[in-house]
Amino acid sequence: MANAIEPEKYPLLWSVLAAKKRDLQGIYMLKDAASIFDTSTRTIQEWIRDGKLPARELPGRGQFLSADLEQFLRSSVRKAHPPEDNDDSTNENAPGETRRPRSERRRQGK
C-alpha cells in the first residue's frame, strides 16, 4: 500500500526520516519522537513542558502528528549571533595586528 501521507507537506520531517530509513506516519508516540530526534524520552517530555514541542491526546499512546514534528523542525532553526564588537579601544593587539581567535587568547591567559 502506498504511503497515504504526502512527503511534500512535511519536507523537513521527511528528510530526517529518510536519513534514518523510516517512513512517514500519521501518529507518533513519545518514543518515536525520541528516536527521530536522537534524544531521550525525558528530553521530549521537557520540550513538551517547555512549550517547544506540542503534544496531543491521540488514540492509543500517540502524542504527535506529522504536522507537529514538522512545525518543531521549522522552529528549531538557530538564530545567527551578532558579530563580535571590534571596537579598537578594547582590542589587545597593536594597530595593524590581526586579532587572534578567542580560543587562542584563552590558552595564553589573556
C-alpha atoms as a PDB file:
ATOM      1  CA  MET A   1       0.000   0.000   0.000  1.00  0.00           C
ATOM      2  CA  ALA A   2       1.328   3.465  -0.871  1.00  0.00           C
ATOM      3  CA  ASN A   3       2.130   5.876   1.910  1.00  0.00           C
ATOM      4  CA  ALA A   4      -1.059   7.932   2.425  1.00  0.00           C
ATOM      5  CA  ILE A   5       0.911  10.856   3.901  1.00  0.00           C
ATOM      6  CA  GLU A   6       2.374  13.167   1.287  1.00  0.00           C
ATOM      7  CA  PRO A   7       6.080  13.889   1.880  1.00  0.00           C
ATOM      8  CA  GLU A   8       5.686  17.276   0.142  1.00  0.00           C
ATOM      9  CA  LYS A   9       3.605  18.500   3.083  1.00  0.00           C
ATOM     10  CA  TYR A  10       6.350  17.684   5.582  1.00  0.00           C
ATOM     11  CA  PRO A  11       9.696  18.199   3.808  1.00  0.00           C
ATOM     12  CA  LEU A  12      11.856  18.619   6.921  1.00  0.00           C
ATOM     13  CA  LEU A  13      10.355  15.664   8.746  1.00  0.00           C
ATOM     14  CA  TRP A  14      10.514  13.576   5.580  1.00  0.00           C
ATOM     15  CA  SER A  15      14.224  14.323   5.105  1.00  0.00           C
ATOM     16  CA  VAL A  16      15.019  13.426   8.735  1.00  0.00           C
ATOM     17  CA  LEU A  17      13.040  10.201   8.460  1.00  0.00           C
ATOM     18  CA  ALA A  18      14.607   9.322   5.096  1.00  0.00           C
ATOM     19  CA  ALA A  19      18.081   9.700   6.607  1.00  0.00           C
ATOM     20  CA  LYS A  20      17.027   7.233   9.318  1.00  0.00           C
ATOM     21  CA  LYS A  21      15.377   4.917   6.783  1.00  0.00           C
ATOM     22  CA  ARG A  22      11.952   5.391   8.379  1.00  0.00           C
ATOM     23  CA  ASP A  23       8.581   6.081   6.794  1.00  0.00           C
ATOM     24  CA  LEU A  24       6.266   8.979   7.447  1.00  0.00           C
ATOM     25  CA  GLN A  25       3.455   8.008   9.818  1.00  0.00           C
ATOM     26  CA  GLY A  26       0.232   9.701  10.761  1.00  0.00           C
ATOM     27  CA  ILE A  27       0.736   9.488  14.521  1.00  0.00           C
ATOM     28  CA  TYR A  28       3.928   9.280  16.561  1.00  0.00           C
ATOM     29  CA  MET A  29       4.452   8.181  20.139  1.00  0.00           C
ATOM     30  CA  LEU A  30       6.866   9.724  22.611  1.00  0.00           C
ATOM     31  CA  LYS A  31       9.458   7.017  21.945  1.00  0.00           C
ATOM     32  CA  ASP A  32       9.134   7.617  18.180  1.00  0.00           C
ATOM     33  CA  ALA A  33       9.908  11.310  18.618  1.00  0.00           C
ATOM     34  CA  ALA A  34      12.883  10.476  20.837  1.00  0.00           C
ATOM     35  CA  SER A  35      14.229   8.123  18.185  1.00  0.00           C
ATOM     36  CA  ILE A  36      13.659  10.611  15.357  1.00  0.00           C
ATOM     37  CA  PHE A  37      15.473  13.403  17.186  1.00  0.00           C
ATOM     38  CA  ASP A  38      18.207  11.156  18.671  1.00  0.00           C
ATOM     39  CA  THR A  39      17.356  12.073  22.221  1.00  0.00           C
ATOM     40  CA  SER A  40      15.743  10.546  25.290  1.00  0.00           C
ATOM     41  CA  THR A  41      12.040  10.379  26.061  1.00  0.00           C
ATOM     42  CA  ARG A  42      12.783  12.579  29.091  1.00  0.00           C
ATOM     43  CA  THR A  43      14.131  15.300  26.792  1.00  0.00           C
ATOM     44  CA  ILE A  44      10.993  15.058  24.651  1.00  0.00           C
ATOM     45  CA  GLN A  45       8.909  15.432  27.824  1.00  0.00           C
ATOM     46  CA  GLU A  46      10.945  18.538  28.759  1.00  0.00           C
ATOM     47  CA  TRP A  47      10.390  20.015  25.287  1.00  0.00           C
ATOM     48  CA  ILE A  48       6.651  19.437  25.744  1.00  0.00           C
ATOM     49  CA  ARG A  49       6.694  21.004  29.223  1.00  0.00           C
ATOM     50  CA  ASP A  50       8.709  23.989  27.951  1.00  0.00           C
ATOM     51  CA  GLY A  51       6.283  24.515  25.056  1.00  0.00           C
ATOM     52  CA  LYS A  52       8.881  23.733  22.384  1.00  0.00           C
ATOM     53  CA  LEU A  53       7.009  20.684  21.077  1.00  0.00           C
ATOM     54  CA  PRO A  54       3.211  20.489  21.119  1.00  0.00           C
ATOM     55  CA  ALA A  55       1.674  17.244  22.345  1.00  0.00           C
ATOM     56  CA  ARG A  56      -1.830  15.938  21.784  1.00  0.00           C
ATOM     57  CA  GLU A  57      -4.154  13.361  23.274  1.00  0.00           C
ATOM     58  CA  LEU A  58      -4.491  10.977  20.352  1.00  0.00           C
ATOM     59  CA  PRO A  59      -5.830   7.419  20.124  1.00  0.00           C
ATOM     60  CA  GLY A  60      -3.642   4.840  21.791  1.00  0.00           C
ATOM     61  CA  ARG A  61      -0.402   6.269  23.059  1.00  0.00           C
ATOM     62  CA  GLY A  62       0.104   8.679  20.181  1.00  0.00           C
ATOM     63  CA  GLN A  63       1.027  12.220  21.073  1.00  0.00           C
ATOM     64  CA  PHE A  64       2.221  13.840  17.860  1.00  0.00           C
ATOM     65  CA  LEU A  65       1.043  14.286  14.304  1.00  0.00           C
ATOM     66  CA  SER A  66       3.455  14.694  11.402  1.00  0.00           C
ATOM     67  CA  ALA A  67       2.438  18.364  11.310  1.00  0.00           C
ATOM     68  CA  ASP A  68       3.557  18.787  14.949  1.00  0.00           C
ATOM     69  CA  LEU A  69       7.009  17.361  14.271  1.00  0.00           C
ATOM     70  CA  GLU A  70       7.342  19.372  11.049  1.00  0.00           C
ATOM     71  CA  GLN A  71       6.492  22.580  12.919  1.00  0.00           C
ATOM     72  CA  PHE A  72       9.014  21.724  15.617  1.00  0.00           C
ATOM     73  CA  LEU A  73      11.700  21.266  12.957  1.00  0.00           C
ATOM     74  CA  ARG A  74      10.774  24.562  11.284  1.00  0.00           C
ATOM     75  CA  SER A  75      11.039  26.419  14.590  1.00  0.00           C
ATOM     76  CA  SER A  76      14.355  24.803  15.512  1.00  0.00           C
ATOM     77  CA  VAL A  77      16.455  26.949  13.162  1.00  0.00           C
ATOM     78  CA  ARG A  78      19.310  28.544  15.080  1.00  0.00           C
ATOM     79  CA  LYS A  79      19.499  32.291  15.014  1.00  0.00           C
ATOM     80  CA  ALA A  80      22.767  33.847  13.846  1.00  0.00           C
ATOM     81  CA  HIS A  81      24.759  35.525  16.579  1.00  0.00           C
ATOM     82  CA  PRO A  82      25.630  39.188  16.035  1.00  0.00           C
ATOM     83  CA  PRO A  83      29.275  39.770  15.080  1.00  0.00           C
ATOM     84  CA  GLU A  84      31.706  40.458  17.887  1.00  0.00           C
ATOM     85  CA  ASP A  85      32.287  44.078  18.743  1.00  0.00           C
ATOM     86  CA  ASN A  86      35.549  45.045  17.049  1.00  0.00           C
ATOM     87  CA  ASP A  87      35.973  48.346  18.881  1.00  0.00           C
ATOM     88  CA  ASP A  88      39.686  49.228  18.700  1.00  0.00           C
ATOM     89  CA  SER A  89      39.649  50.604  22.250  1.00  0.00           C
ATOM     90  CA  THR A  90      39.143  47.071  23.586  1.00  0.00           C
ATOM     91  CA  ASN A  91      41.474  45.360  21.092  1.00  0.00           C
ATOM     92  CA  GLU A  92      44.504  43.967  22.899  1.00  0.00           C
ATOM     93  CA  ASN A  93      46.607  43.994  19.727  1.00  0.00           C
ATOM     94  CA  ALA A  94      48.699  46.860  18.423  1.00  0.00           C
ATOM     95  CA  PRO A  95      47.268  48.817  15.483  1.00  0.00           C
ATOM     96  CA  GLY A  96      47.550  46.855  12.265  1.00  0.00           C
ATOM     97  CA  GLU A  97      47.809  43.473  14.009  1.00  0.00           C
ATOM     98  CA  THR A  98      45.211  40.817  13.366  1.00  0.00           C
ATOM     99  CA  ARG A  99      43.144  39.867  16.371  1.00  0.00           C
ATOM    100  CA  ARG A 100      43.786  36.295  17.495  1.00  0.00           C
ATOM    101  CA  PRO A 101      40.821  33.939  17.852  1.00  0.00           C
ATOM    102  CA  ARG A 102      39.271  33.934  21.325  1.00  0.00           C
ATOM    103  CA  SER A 103      40.297  30.295  21.912  1.00  0.00           C
ATOM    104  CA  GLU A 104      43.963  31.236  21.424  1.00  0.00           C
ATOM    105  CA  ARG A 105      43.673  34.217  23.754  1.00  0.00           C
ATOM    106  CA  ARG A 106      42.201  31.990  26.480  1.00  0.00           C
ATOM    107  CA  ARG A 107      45.061  29.490  26.181  1.00  0.00           C
ATOM    108  CA  GLN A 108      47.570  32.277  26.650  1.00  0.00           C
ATOM    109  CA  GLY A 109      45.736  33.649  29.699  1.00  0.00           C
ATOM    110  CA  LYS A 110      44.512  36.863  28.094  1.00  0.00           C
END
